[in-house]
Amino acid sequence: MQRLKIDQDIKSLSDVRTGIAGFIKQVRDTKRPLIITQHGRCVAVLIDAHEYEVMQEKLELLTDVQISLNQIENGQGMDHEEAKEEILRRIKNKYYLVATGYQ
């Protein structure tokens, strides 16, 4: 997502109501969010759908990283060699199940 340009990306709700198609095109083309105000206060943000999906994926990744860090702090982690062995074991099991027709 691109950085906000204050002089172009903050619009009142009444402006958005009358020109929504143009503002959707602006958000899609620029990849910048549009801040919508009502009575001078921010009330909503319009962002491109793809940019929203990317933002959600990043948030999920950061959440996973935080969970992992908490697990490591609590002694629930495993060292590199253990992790490697576990992954290889799972891969072998999956190939065995596919090869024998069990899924």
Protein backbone atom coordinates (compact mmCIF):
# COMPACT_ATOMS: atom_id res chain seq x y z
CA MET A 1 0.00 0.00 0.00
CA GLN A 2 1.31 3.41 -0.94
CA ARG A 3 1.68 6.26 1.52
CA LEU A 4 -1.24 8.61 2.01
CA LYS A 5 -1.10 12.01 0.26
CA ILE A 6 -2.98 14.31 2.59
CA ASP A 7 -3.96 16.84 -0.07
CA GLN A 8 -5.45 14.11 -2.32
CA ASP A 9 -6.52 11.24 -0.08
CA ILE A 10 -8.78 12.80 2.54
CA LYS A 11 -12.35 13.48 1.43
CA SER A 12 -15.58 14.35 3.14
CA LEU A 13 -18.44 11.88 3.19
CA SER A 14 -20.55 14.24 1.06
CA ASP A 15 -17.78 14.33 -1.60
CA VAL A 16 -17.57 10.53 -1.55
CA ARG A 17 -21.34 10.18 -1.89
CA THR A 18 -21.40 12.26 -5.05
CA GLY A 19 -18.27 10.83 -6.64
CA ILE A 20 -17.89 7.28 -5.33
CA ALA A 21 -16.99 5.75 -8.72
CA GLY A 22 -14.15 8.23 -9.18
CA PHE A 23 -12.82 7.62 -5.69
CA ILE A 24 -12.91 3.85 -6.17
CA LYS A 25 -10.93 4.31 -9.40
CA GLN A 26 -8.47 6.58 -7.56
CA VAL A 27 -7.91 3.99 -4.82
CA ARG A 28 -7.52 1.20 -7.36
CA ASP A 29 -5.11 3.17 -9.57
CA THR A 30 -2.95 4.73 -6.85
CA LYS A 31 -3.02 1.84 -4.33
CA ARG A 32 -3.37 4.54 -1.66
CA PRO A 33 -6.15 4.51 0.93
CA LEU A 34 -8.82 7.19 0.94
CA ILE A 35 -9.72 8.66 4.33
CA ILE A 36 -13.39 9.58 4.60
CA THR A 37 -14.37 12.28 7.06
CA GLN A 38 -17.67 13.35 8.54
CA HIS A 39 -17.96 16.65 10.40
CA GLY A 40 -14.16 16.97 10.16
CA ARG A 41 -13.41 13.63 11.81
CA CYS A 42 -12.14 10.43 10.23
CA VAL A 43 -14.95 7.86 10.06
CA ALA A 44 -13.83 5.33 7.44
CA VAL A 45 -11.05 4.24 5.12
CA LEU A 46 -11.54 3.03 1.54
CA ILE A 47 -8.79 0.74 0.27
CA ASP A 48 -8.24 -1.39 -2.82
CA ALA A 49 -9.46 -4.99 -2.38
CA HIS A 50 -6.08 -6.49 -3.33
CA GLU A 51 -4.27 -4.15 -0.95
CA TYR A 52 -6.68 -5.25 1.80
CA GLU A 53 -5.90 -8.92 1.12
CA VAL A 54 -2.15 -8.22 1.22
CA MET A 55 -2.60 -6.36 4.50
CA GLN A 56 -4.57 -9.29 5.97
CA GLU A 57 -1.86 -11.77 4.92
CA LYS A 58 0.82 -9.62 6.56
CA LEU A 59 -1.24 -9.37 9.73
CA GLU A 60 -1.69 -13.16 9.82
CA LEU A 61 2.06 -13.64 9.35
CA LEU A 62 2.90 -11.18 12.12
CA THR A 63 0.39 -12.91 14.39
CA ASP A 64 2.03 -16.29 13.66
CA VAL A 65 5.47 -14.83 14.39
CA GLN A 66 4.23 -13.43 17.71
CA ILE A 67 2.69 -16.79 18.67
CA SER A 68 5.97 -18.52 17.78
CA LEU A 69 8.00 -16.07 19.84
CA ASN A 70 5.70 -16.64 22.81
CA GLN A 71 6.03 -20.41 22.42
CA ILE A 72 9.83 -20.16 22.33
CA GLU A 73 9.81 -17.97 25.46
CA ASN A 74 7.70 -20.63 27.19
CA GLY A 75 10.09 -23.44 26.22
CA GLN A 76 7.73 -24.92 23.64
CA GLY A 77 10.09 -24.59 20.68
CA MET A 78 12.34 -27.18 19.08
CA ASP A 79 15.84 -26.85 17.73
CA HIS A 80 16.68 -26.87 14.03
CA GLU A 81 17.63 -30.54 13.84
CA GLU A 82 14.41 -31.66 15.55
CA ALA A 83 12.33 -29.49 13.23
CA LYS A 84 14.14 -30.83 10.15
CA GLU A 85 13.57 -34.45 11.24
CA GLU A 86 9.88 -33.78 11.91
CA ILE A 87 9.34 -32.19 8.50
CA LEU A 88 11.13 -35.03 6.71
CA ARG A 89 9.07 -37.58 8.64
CA ARG A 90 5.82 -35.84 7.62
CA ILE A 91 6.91 -35.68 3.98
CA LYS A 92 7.74 -39.40 3.96
CA ASN A 93 4.39 -40.25 5.56
CA LYS A 94 2.50 -38.13 3.03
CA TYR A 95 4.30 -39.76 0.08
CA TYR A 96 3.62 -43.19 1.55
CA LEU A 97 -0.09 -42.40 1.92
CA VAL A 98 -0.32 -41.06 -1.64
CA ALA A 99 1.61 -44.03 -3.09
CA THR A 100 -0.59 -46.56 -1.29
CA GLY A 101 -3.84 -44.74 -2.05
CA TYR A 102 -4.56 -43.72 1.56
CA GLN A 103 -5.21 -40.03 1.96
